[in-house]
């Protein structure tokens, strides 16, 4: 039984990877927006003394972890769209009648989604190095990868959950755009969260990406506005909750 579960996870992972590698236009379009933000904001704004505790730091160094978080967010959230494509083309029906637990299918999708999101996040990090971004501690890259994985797990689980209750690709895309941009803008990815009005603080603090971006900054440039332990704890809880929610809603999916 255990070997069947592992085989199912591998098959779902392999399918996501093949889909990712074949859709070159999807990869380019996903990287285009983060690259635009890096160029437009990273070079457009000079070193700013308004960054708390970072008076001598280039804005680009502050920005890059936020853009990596953005890449992980958008790639992960839209990974759920594969559920709707599978519904449309009949593949999901074949999966659901197979003698495997639906939660295992979800884990396979999450594994594939994390891999593709991680690839794109690493590509953005590499591009940023050529643009002048400096990593304070090379060993921090390992911790940064952990934060990227945790961001991916949580938001892929959320994307699968949303896709499980949606009926069409167009509706899913509209809802995801409506959700992802506020999450991104209110995460501190582009500016310190302390610069935002006090009445927005509760929204910022319940935003999981806030902790992901803060953890990435702590890992890569040694700057953090929150506790690193808190960042990890919140992302772990969020990821586990989204896996459970995604598995539950996917198990209720009808085709």
C-alpha atoms as a PDB file:
ATOM      1  CA  UNK A   1       0.000   0.000   0.000  1.00  0.00           C
ATOM      2  CA  UNK A   2       2.841   2.345   0.894  1.00  0.00           C
ATOM      3  CA  UNK A   3       4.594   1.652  -2.418  1.00  0.00           C
ATOM      4  CA  UNK A   4       1.356   2.395  -4.309  1.00  0.00           C
ATOM      5  CA  UNK A   5       1.057   5.743  -2.521  1.00  0.00           C
ATOM      6  CA  UNK A   6       4.650   6.640  -3.345  1.00  0.00           C
ATOM      7  CA  UNK A   7       4.146   5.600  -6.966  1.00  0.00           C
ATOM      8  CA  UNK A   8       1.023   7.767  -7.193  1.00  0.00           C
ATOM      9  CA  UNK A   9       2.880  10.766  -5.770  1.00  0.00           C
ATOM     10  CA  UNK A  10       5.714  10.178  -8.242  1.00  0.00           C
ATOM     11  CA  UNK A  11       3.350   9.889 -11.214  1.00  0.00           C
ATOM     12  CA  UNK A  12       1.550  13.118 -10.277  1.00  0.00           C
ATOM     13  CA  UNK A  13       4.886  14.868  -9.718  1.00  0.00           C
ATOM     14  CA  UNK A  14       6.241  13.639 -13.056  1.00  0.00           C
ATOM     15  CA  UNK A  15       3.097  14.783 -14.867  1.00  0.00           C
ATOM     16  CA  UNK A  16       3.399  18.291 -13.402  1.00  0.00           C
ATOM     17  CA  UNK A  17       7.068  18.434 -14.372  1.00  0.00           C
ATOM     18  CA  UNK A  18       6.394  17.360 -17.957  1.00  0.00           C
ATOM     19  CA  UNK A  19       3.610  19.916 -18.220  1.00  0.00           C
ATOM     20  CA  UNK A  20       5.951  22.588 -16.868  1.00  0.00           C
ATOM     21  CA  UNK A  21       8.834  21.742 -19.211  1.00  0.00           C
ATOM     22  CA  UNK A  22       6.588  21.620 -22.282  1.00  0.00           C
ATOM     23  CA  UNK A  23       4.900  24.961 -21.562  1.00  0.00           C
ATOM     24  CA  UNK A  24       7.906  27.228 -22.198  1.00  0.00           C
ATOM     25  CA  UNK A  25       5.647  30.237 -22.741  1.00  0.00           C
ATOM     26  CA  UNK A  26       4.190  29.678 -19.260  1.00  0.00           C
ATOM     27  CA  UNK A  27       7.664  29.742 -17.707  1.00  0.00           C
ATOM     28  CA  UNK A  28       8.625  32.917 -19.549  1.00  0.00           C
ATOM     29  CA  UNK A  29       5.388  34.705 -18.669  1.00  0.00           C
ATOM     30  CA  UNK A  30       5.710  33.706 -15.002  1.00  0.00           C
ATOM     31  CA  UNK A  31       9.251  35.096 -14.812  1.00  0.00           C
ATOM     32  CA  UNK A  32       8.452  38.249 -16.793  1.00  0.00           C
ATOM     33  CA  UNK A  33       6.536  40.060 -14.047  1.00  0.00           C
ATOM     34  CA  UNK A  34       9.092  39.442 -11.258  1.00  0.00           C
ATOM     35  CA  UNK A  35      11.862  40.529 -13.626  1.00  0.00           C
ATOM     36  CA  UNK A  36       9.899  43.697 -14.458  1.00  0.00           C
ATOM     37  CA  UNK A  37       9.548  44.519 -10.752  1.00  0.00           C
ATOM     38  CA  UNK A  38      13.278  43.956 -10.192  1.00  0.00           C
ATOM     39  CA  UNK A  39      14.283  46.237 -13.048  1.00  0.00           C
ATOM     40  CA  UNK A  40      11.661  48.949 -12.574  1.00  0.00           C
ATOM     41  CA  UNK A  41      11.907  49.194  -8.783  1.00  0.00           C
ATOM     42  CA  UNK A  42      15.376  47.851  -8.054  1.00  0.00           C
ATOM     43  CA  UNK A  43      17.077  50.298 -10.431  1.00  0.00           C
ATOM     44  CA  UNK A  44      14.402  52.966 -10.307  1.00  0.00           C
ATOM     45  CA  UNK A  45      14.743  53.649  -6.573  1.00  0.00           C
ATOM     46  CA  UNK A  46      18.067  54.680  -5.064  1.00  0.00           C
ATOM     47  CA  UNK A  47      19.354  53.530  -1.659  1.00  0.00           C
ATOM     48  CA  UNK A  48      16.820  54.807   0.808  1.00  0.00           C
ATOM     49  CA  UNK A  49      17.349  55.881   4.388  1.00  0.00           C
ATOM     50  CA  UNK A  50      13.615  55.295   4.997  1.00  0.00           C
ATOM     51  CA  UNK A  51      14.178  51.567   5.371  1.00  0.00           C
ATOM     52  CA  UNK A  52      14.256  50.916   9.140  1.00  0.00           C
ATOM     53  CA  UNK A  53      17.720  49.765  10.182  1.00  0.00           C
ATOM     54  CA  UNK A  54      18.935  49.658   6.571  1.00  0.00           C
ATOM     55  CA  UNK A  55      20.120  53.198   5.905  1.00  0.00           C
ATOM     56  CA  UNK A  56      23.138  52.062   3.870  1.00  0.00           C
ATOM     57  CA  UNK A  57      21.441  49.158   2.087  1.00  0.00           C
ATOM     58  CA  UNK A  58      20.431  49.288  -1.558  1.00  0.00           C
ATOM     59  CA  UNK A  59      16.719  49.016  -2.161  1.00  0.00           C
ATOM     60  CA  UNK A  60      17.468  46.171  -4.580  1.00  0.00           C
ATOM     61  CA  UNK A  61      18.808  44.063  -1.688  1.00  0.00           C
ATOM     62  CA  UNK A  62      15.615  44.716   0.269  1.00  0.00           C
ATOM     63  CA  UNK A  63      13.450  44.047  -2.792  1.00  0.00           C
ATOM     64  CA  UNK A  64      14.846  40.726  -4.063  1.00  0.00           C
ATOM     65  CA  UNK A  65      13.553  38.490  -1.212  1.00  0.00           C
ATOM     66  CA  UNK A  66      10.111  40.062  -1.674  1.00  0.00           C
ATOM     67  CA  UNK A  67      10.159  39.349  -5.409  1.00  0.00           C
ATOM     68  CA  UNK A  68      11.216  35.758  -4.764  1.00  0.00           C
ATOM     69  CA  UNK A  69       8.267  35.491  -2.381  1.00  0.00           C
ATOM     70  CA  UNK A  70       6.017  36.949  -5.070  1.00  0.00           C
ATOM     71  CA  UNK A  71       7.258  34.386  -7.600  1.00  0.00           C
ATOM     72  CA  UNK A  72       6.551  31.546  -5.188  1.00  0.00           C
ATOM     73  CA  UNK A  73       3.098  32.974  -4.415  1.00  0.00           C
ATOM     74  CA  UNK A  74       1.880  33.395  -7.989  1.00  0.00           C
ATOM     75  CA  UNK A  75       3.392  30.144  -9.273  1.00  0.00           C
ATOM     76  CA  UNK A  76       2.026  28.169  -6.323  1.00  0.00           C
ATOM     77  CA  UNK A  77      -1.481  29.627  -6.348  1.00  0.00           C
ATOM     78  CA  UNK A  78      -1.934  28.987 -10.045  1.00  0.00           C
ATOM     79  CA  UNK A  79      -0.646  25.411  -9.734  1.00  0.00           C
ATOM     80  CA  UNK A  80      -4.213  24.548  -8.730  1.00  0.00           C
ATOM     81  CA  UNK A  81      -5.390  25.358 -12.242  1.00  0.00           C
ATOM     82  CA  UNK A  82      -4.121  21.937 -13.343  1.00  0.00           C
ATOM     83  CA  UNK A  83      -7.025  20.427 -11.359  1.00  0.00           C
ATOM     84  CA  UNK A  84      -9.477  22.296 -13.574  1.00  0.00           C
ATOM     85  CA  UNK A  85      -7.629  21.350 -16.747  1.00  0.00           C
ATOM     86  CA  UNK A  86      -7.765  17.723 -15.693  1.00  0.00           C
ATOM     87  CA  UNK A  87     -11.506  18.089 -15.077  1.00  0.00           C
ATOM     88  CA  UNK A  88     -11.997  19.554 -18.527  1.00  0.00           C
ATOM     89  CA  UNK A  89      -9.996  16.906 -20.391  1.00  0.00           C
ATOM     90  CA  UNK A  90     -11.246  13.915 -18.403  1.00  0.00           C
ATOM     91  CA  UNK A  91      -7.960  12.978 -16.737  1.00  0.00           C
ATOM     92  CA  UNK A  92      -9.328  13.789 -13.288  1.00  0.00           C
ATOM     93  CA  UNK A  93     -12.096  11.225 -13.699  1.00  0.00           C
ATOM     94  CA  UNK A  94      -9.520   8.519 -14.376  1.00  0.00           C
ATOM     95  CA  UNK A  95      -7.624   9.536 -11.219  1.00  0.00           C
ATOM     96  CA  UNK A  96     -10.705   9.572  -9.009  1.00  0.00           C
ATOM     97  CA  UNK A  97     -11.792   6.062 -10.000  1.00  0.00           C
ATOM     98  CA  UNK A  98      -8.308   4.660  -9.369  1.00  0.00           C
ATOM     99  CA  UNK A  99      -7.831   2.678  -6.123  1.00  0.00           C
ATOM    100  CA  UNK A 100      -5.725   5.369  -4.437  1.00  0.00           C
ATOM    101  CA  UNK A 101      -6.492   7.828  -1.680  1.00  0.00           C
ATOM    102  CA  UNK A 102      -7.323  11.290  -2.950  1.00  0.00           C
ATOM    103  CA  UNK A 103      -5.097  12.850  -0.298  1.00  0.00           C
ATOM    104  CA  UNK A 104      -2.154  11.050  -1.911  1.00  0.00           C
ATOM    105  CA  UNK A 105      -3.101  12.582  -5.278  1.00  0.00           C
ATOM    106  CA  UNK A 106      -3.080  16.020  -3.643  1.00  0.00           C
ATOM    107  CA  UNK A 107       0.373  15.365  -2.164  1.00  0.00           C
ATOM    108  CA  UNK A 108       1.618  14.439  -5.633  1.00  0.00           C
ATOM    109  CA  UNK A 109       0.242  17.662  -7.074  1.00  0.00           C
ATOM    110  CA  UNK A 110       1.788  19.671  -4.252  1.00  0.00           C
ATOM    111  CA  UNK A 111       5.152  17.967  -4.816  1.00  0.00           C
ATOM    112  CA  UNK A 112       5.045  18.827  -8.517  1.00  0.00           C
ATOM    113  CA  UNK A 113       3.900  22.375  -7.850  1.00  0.00           C
ATOM    114  CA  UNK A 114       6.628  22.981  -5.262  1.00  0.00           C
ATOM    115  CA  UNK A 115       9.301  21.745  -7.660  1.00  0.00           C
ATOM    116  CA  UNK A 116       8.207  24.036 -10.492  1.00  0.00           C
ATOM    117  CA  UNK A 117       7.757  27.020  -8.155  1.00  0.00           C
ATOM    118  CA  UNK A 118      11.160  26.383  -6.578  1.00  0.00           C
ATOM    119  CA  UNK A 119      12.829  26.283  -9.994  1.00  0.00           C
ATOM    120  CA  UNK A 120      11.343  29.663 -10.879  1.00  0.00           C
ATOM    121  CA  UNK A 121      12.197  31.158  -7.492  1.00  0.00           C
ATOM    122  CA  UNK A 122      15.826  30.021  -7.859  1.00  0.00           C
ATOM    123  CA  UNK A 123      15.959  31.475 -11.386  1.00  0.00           C
ATOM    124  CA  UNK A 124      14.840  34.860 -10.036  1.00  0.00           C
ATOM    125  CA  UNK A 125      17.518  34.642  -7.333  1.00  0.00           C
ATOM    126  CA  UNK A 126      20.191  33.887  -9.966  1.00  0.00           C
ATOM    127  CA  UNK A 127      19.002  36.755 -12.177  1.00  0.00           C
ATOM    128  CA  UNK A 128      19.094  39.132  -9.216  1.00  0.00           C
ATOM    129  CA  UNK A 129      22.740  38.209  -8.527  1.00  0.00           C
ATOM    130  CA  UNK A 130      23.675  39.442 -12.002  1.00  0.00           C
ATOM    131  CA  UNK A 131      21.769  42.660 -11.259  1.00  0.00           C
ATOM    132  CA  UNK A 132      23.897  43.384  -8.184  1.00  0.00           C
ATOM    133  CA  UNK A 133      22.049  41.632  -5.368  1.00  0.00           C
ATOM    134  CA  UNK A 134      24.387  40.525  -2.594  1.00  0.00           C
ATOM    135  CA  UNK A 135      23.706  37.621  -0.247  1.00  0.00           C
ATOM    136  CA  UNK A 136      25.009  38.421   3.229  1.00  0.00           C
ATOM    137  CA  UNK A 137      25.495  34.804   4.283  1.00  0.00           C
ATOM    138  CA  UNK A 138      25.909  32.089   1.614  1.00  0.00           C
ATOM    139  CA  UNK A 139      24.773  29.453   4.137  1.00  0.00           C
ATOM    140  CA  UNK A 140      21.529  31.391   4.410  1.00  0.00           C
ATOM    141  CA  UNK A 141      20.589  30.062   0.972  1.00  0.00           C
ATOM    142  CA  UNK A 142      19.706  26.718   2.594  1.00  0.00           C
ATOM    143  CA  UNK A 143      17.325  28.444   5.012  1.00  0.00           C
ATOM    144  CA  UNK A 144      15.932  30.527   2.150  1.00  0.00           C
ATOM    145  CA  UNK A 145      15.165  27.337   0.212  1.00  0.00           C
ATOM    146  CA  UNK A 146      13.288  26.040   3.258  1.00  0.00           C
ATOM    147  CA  UNK A 147      11.174  29.200   3.353  1.00  0.00           C
ATOM    148  CA  UNK A 148      10.509  28.935  -0.388  1.00  0.00           C
ATOM    149  CA  UNK A 149       9.331  25.350   0.050  1.00  0.00           C
ATOM    150  CA  UNK A 150       7.066  26.288   2.959  1.00  0.00           C
ATOM    151  CA  UNK A 151       5.560  29.186   0.989  1.00  0.00           C
ATOM    152  CA  UNK A 152       4.955  26.804  -1.913  1.00  0.00           C
ATOM    153  CA  UNK A 153       3.310  24.113   0.219  1.00  0.00           C
ATOM    154  CA  UNK A 154       0.844  26.531   1.779  1.00  0.00           C
ATOM    155  CA  UNK A 155      -0.239  28.360  -1.327  1.00  0.00           C
ATOM    156  CA  UNK A 156      -0.324  25.289  -3.576  1.00  0.00           C
ATOM    157  CA  UNK A 157      -2.591  23.646  -1.009  1.00  0.00           C
ATOM    158  CA  UNK A 158      -4.771  26.755  -1.062  1.00  0.00           C
ATOM    159  CA  UNK A 159      -4.797  26.767  -4.870  1.00  0.00           C
ATOM    160  CA  UNK A 160      -5.839  23.102  -5.006  1.00  0.00           C
ATOM    161  CA  UNK A 161      -8.577  23.791  -2.451  1.00  0.00           C
ATOM    162  CA  UNK A 162      -9.937  26.685  -4.530  1.00  0.00           C
ATOM    163  CA  UNK A 163      -9.707  24.716  -7.778  1.00  0.00           C
ATOM    164  CA  UNK A 164     -11.610  21.831  -6.178  1.00  0.00           C
ATOM    165  CA  UNK A 165     -14.698  24.015  -5.656  1.00  0.00           C
ATOM    166  CA  UNK A 166     -14.455  26.017  -8.908  1.00  0.00           C
ATOM    167  CA  UNK A 167     -16.164  24.997 -12.134  1.00  0.00           C
ATOM    168  CA  UNK A 168     -14.080  26.627 -14.868  1.00  0.00           C
ATOM    169  CA  UNK A 169     -10.595  27.938 -15.580  1.00  0.00           C
ATOM    170  CA  UNK A 170     -11.731  31.505 -16.271  1.00  0.00           C
ATOM    171  CA  UNK A 171     -13.491  31.811 -12.923  1.00  0.00           C
ATOM    172  CA  UNK A 172     -10.493  30.347 -11.112  1.00  0.00           C
ATOM    173  CA  UNK A 173      -8.097  32.807 -12.766  1.00  0.00           C
ATOM    174  CA  UNK A 174     -10.292  35.782 -11.864  1.00  0.00           C
ATOM    175  CA  UNK A 175     -10.622  34.737  -8.230  1.00  0.00           C
ATOM    176  CA  UNK A 176      -6.906  33.994  -7.921  1.00  0.00           C
ATOM    177  CA  UNK A 177      -5.949  37.414  -9.306  1.00  0.00           C
ATOM    178  CA  UNK A 178      -8.362  39.015  -6.851  1.00  0.00           C
ATOM    179  CA  UNK A 179      -6.716  37.176  -3.958  1.00  0.00           C
ATOM    180  CA  UNK A 180      -3.030  37.100  -4.893  1.00  0.00           C
ATOM    181  CA  UNK A 181      -2.411  40.807  -5.472  1.00  0.00           C
ATOM    182  CA  UNK A 182      -3.636  41.936  -2.015  1.00  0.00           C
ATOM    183  CA  UNK A 183      -1.634  39.100  -0.428  1.00  0.00           C
ATOM    184  CA  UNK A 184       1.460  40.236  -2.322  1.00  0.00           C
ATOM    185  CA  UNK A 185       1.057  43.974  -1.735  1.00  0.00           C
ATOM    186  CA  UNK A 186       0.293  43.564   1.984  1.00  0.00           C
ATOM    187  CA  UNK A 187       3.195  41.215   2.702  1.00  0.00           C
ATOM    188  CA  UNK A 188       6.012  43.754   2.937  1.00  0.00           C
ATOM    189  CA  UNK A 189       7.481  42.465  -0.325  1.00  0.00           C
ATOM    190  CA  UNK A 190       7.939  45.961  -1.777  1.00  0.00           C
ATOM    191  CA  UNK A 191       8.285  48.086   1.361  1.00  0.00           C
ATOM    192  CA  UNK A 192       8.620  47.635   5.129  1.00  0.00           C
ATOM    193  CA  UNK A 193       5.355  46.685   6.800  1.00  0.00           C
ATOM    194  CA  UNK A 194       6.049  49.390   9.384  1.00  0.00           C
ATOM    195  CA  UNK A 195       5.461  51.981   6.643  1.00  0.00           C
ATOM    196  CA  UNK A 196       1.813  50.925   6.350  1.00  0.00           C
ATOM    197  CA  UNK A 197      -1.007  52.499   8.411  1.00  0.00           C
ATOM    198  CA  UNK A 198      -1.734  50.956  11.803  1.00  0.00           C
ATOM    199  CA  UNK A 199      -5.243  49.928  10.768  1.00  0.00           C
ATOM    200  CA  UNK A 200      -3.702  47.582   8.191  1.00  0.00           C
ATOM    201  CA  UNK A 201      -1.528  45.835  10.774  1.00  0.00           C
ATOM    202  CA  UNK A 202      -4.063  43.064  11.602  1.00  0.00           C
ATOM    203  CA  UNK A 203      -4.397  42.218   7.889  1.00  0.00           C
ATOM    204  CA  UNK A 204      -0.625  42.159   7.479  1.00  0.00           C
ATOM    205  CA  UNK A 205      -0.178  39.877  10.471  1.00  0.00           C
ATOM    206  CA  UNK A 206      -2.710  37.296   9.250  1.00  0.00           C
ATOM    207  CA  UNK A 207      -1.109  37.252   5.808  1.00  0.00           C
ATOM    208  CA  UNK A 208       1.069  34.101   5.561  1.00  0.00           C
ATOM    209  CA  UNK A 209       3.276  35.645   2.875  1.00  0.00           C
ATOM    210  CA  UNK A 210       4.333  38.337   5.369  1.00  0.00           C
ATOM    211  CA  UNK A 211       6.166  35.656   7.322  1.00  0.00           C
ATOM    212  CA  UNK A 212       7.569  34.051   4.183  1.00  0.00           C
ATOM    213  CA  UNK A 213       9.041  37.309   2.889  1.00  0.00           C
ATOM    214  CA  UNK A 214      10.394  38.216   6.330  1.00  0.00           C
ATOM    215  CA  UNK A 215      12.036  34.794   6.599  1.00  0.00           C
ATOM    216  CA  UNK A 216      13.600  35.126   3.146  1.00  0.00           C
ATOM    217  CA  UNK A 217      15.046  38.531   4.066  1.00  0.00           C
ATOM    218  CA  UNK A 218      16.438  37.177   7.318  1.00  0.00           C
ATOM    219  CA  UNK A 219      18.029  34.276   5.427  1.00  0.00           C
ATOM    220  CA  UNK A 220      19.512  36.222   2.518  1.00  0.00           C
ATOM    221  CA  UNK A 221      20.385  39.695   3.842  1.00  0.00           C
ATOM    222  CA  UNK A 222      20.151  39.313   7.613  1.00  0.00           C
ATOM    223  CA  UNK A 223      17.264  41.767   7.993  1.00  0.00           C
ATOM    224  CA  UNK A 224      14.063  40.768   9.758  1.00  0.00           C
ATOM    225  CA  UNK A 225      11.165  42.692  11.284  1.00  0.00           C
ATOM    226  CA  UNK A 226       9.718  39.596  12.949  1.00  0.00           C
ATOM    227  CA  UNK A 227      11.065  36.595  14.825  1.00  0.00           C
ATOM    228  CA  UNK A 228      12.604  33.926  12.588  1.00  0.00           C
ATOM    229  CA  UNK A 229      11.046  31.265  14.807  1.00  0.00           C
ATOM    230  CA  UNK A 230       7.636  32.915  14.376  1.00  0.00           C
ATOM    231  CA  UNK A 231       8.117  33.020  10.594  1.00  0.00           C
ATOM    232  CA  UNK A 232       8.821  29.279  10.491  1.00  0.00           C
ATOM    233  CA  UNK A 233       6.021  28.383  12.899  1.00  0.00           C
ATOM    234  CA  UNK A 234       3.348  30.352  11.031  1.00  0.00           C
ATOM    235  CA  UNK A 235       4.359  28.918   7.658  1.00  0.00           C
ATOM    236  CA  UNK A 236       4.408  25.372   9.036  1.00  0.00           C
ATOM    237  CA  UNK A 237       0.922  25.783  10.518  1.00  0.00           C
ATOM    238  CA  UNK A 238      -0.370  27.423   7.348  1.00  0.00           C
ATOM    239  CA  UNK A 239       1.106  24.715   5.130  1.00  0.00           C
ATOM    240  CA  UNK A 240      -0.335  21.884   7.219  1.00  0.00           C
ATOM    241  CA  UNK A 241      -3.755  23.559   7.334  1.00  0.00           C
ATOM    242  CA  UNK A 242      -3.800  24.047   3.550  1.00  0.00           C
ATOM    243  CA  UNK A 243      -2.759  20.438   2.886  1.00  0.00           C
ATOM    244  CA  UNK A 244      -5.651  19.252   5.067  1.00  0.00           C
ATOM    245  CA  UNK A 245      -8.105  21.692   3.492  1.00  0.00           C
ATOM    246  CA  UNK A 246      -6.949  20.923  -0.046  1.00  0.00           C
ATOM    247  CA  UNK A 247      -7.172  17.171   0.550  1.00  0.00           C
ATOM    248  CA  UNK A 248     -10.643  17.465   2.074  1.00  0.00           C
ATOM    249  CA  UNK A 249     -12.095  19.616  -0.698  1.00  0.00           C
ATOM    250  CA  UNK A 250     -10.422  17.546  -3.398  1.00  0.00           C
ATOM    251  CA  UNK A 251     -11.938  14.412  -1.874  1.00  0.00           C
ATOM    252  CA  UNK A 252     -15.375  16.028  -2.379  1.00  0.00           C
ATOM    253  CA  UNK A 253     -14.695  16.835  -6.029  1.00  0.00           C
ATOM    254  CA  UNK A 254     -17.194  15.423  -8.503  1.00  0.00           C
ATOM    255  CA  UNK A 255     -16.663  15.106 -12.257  1.00  0.00           C
END
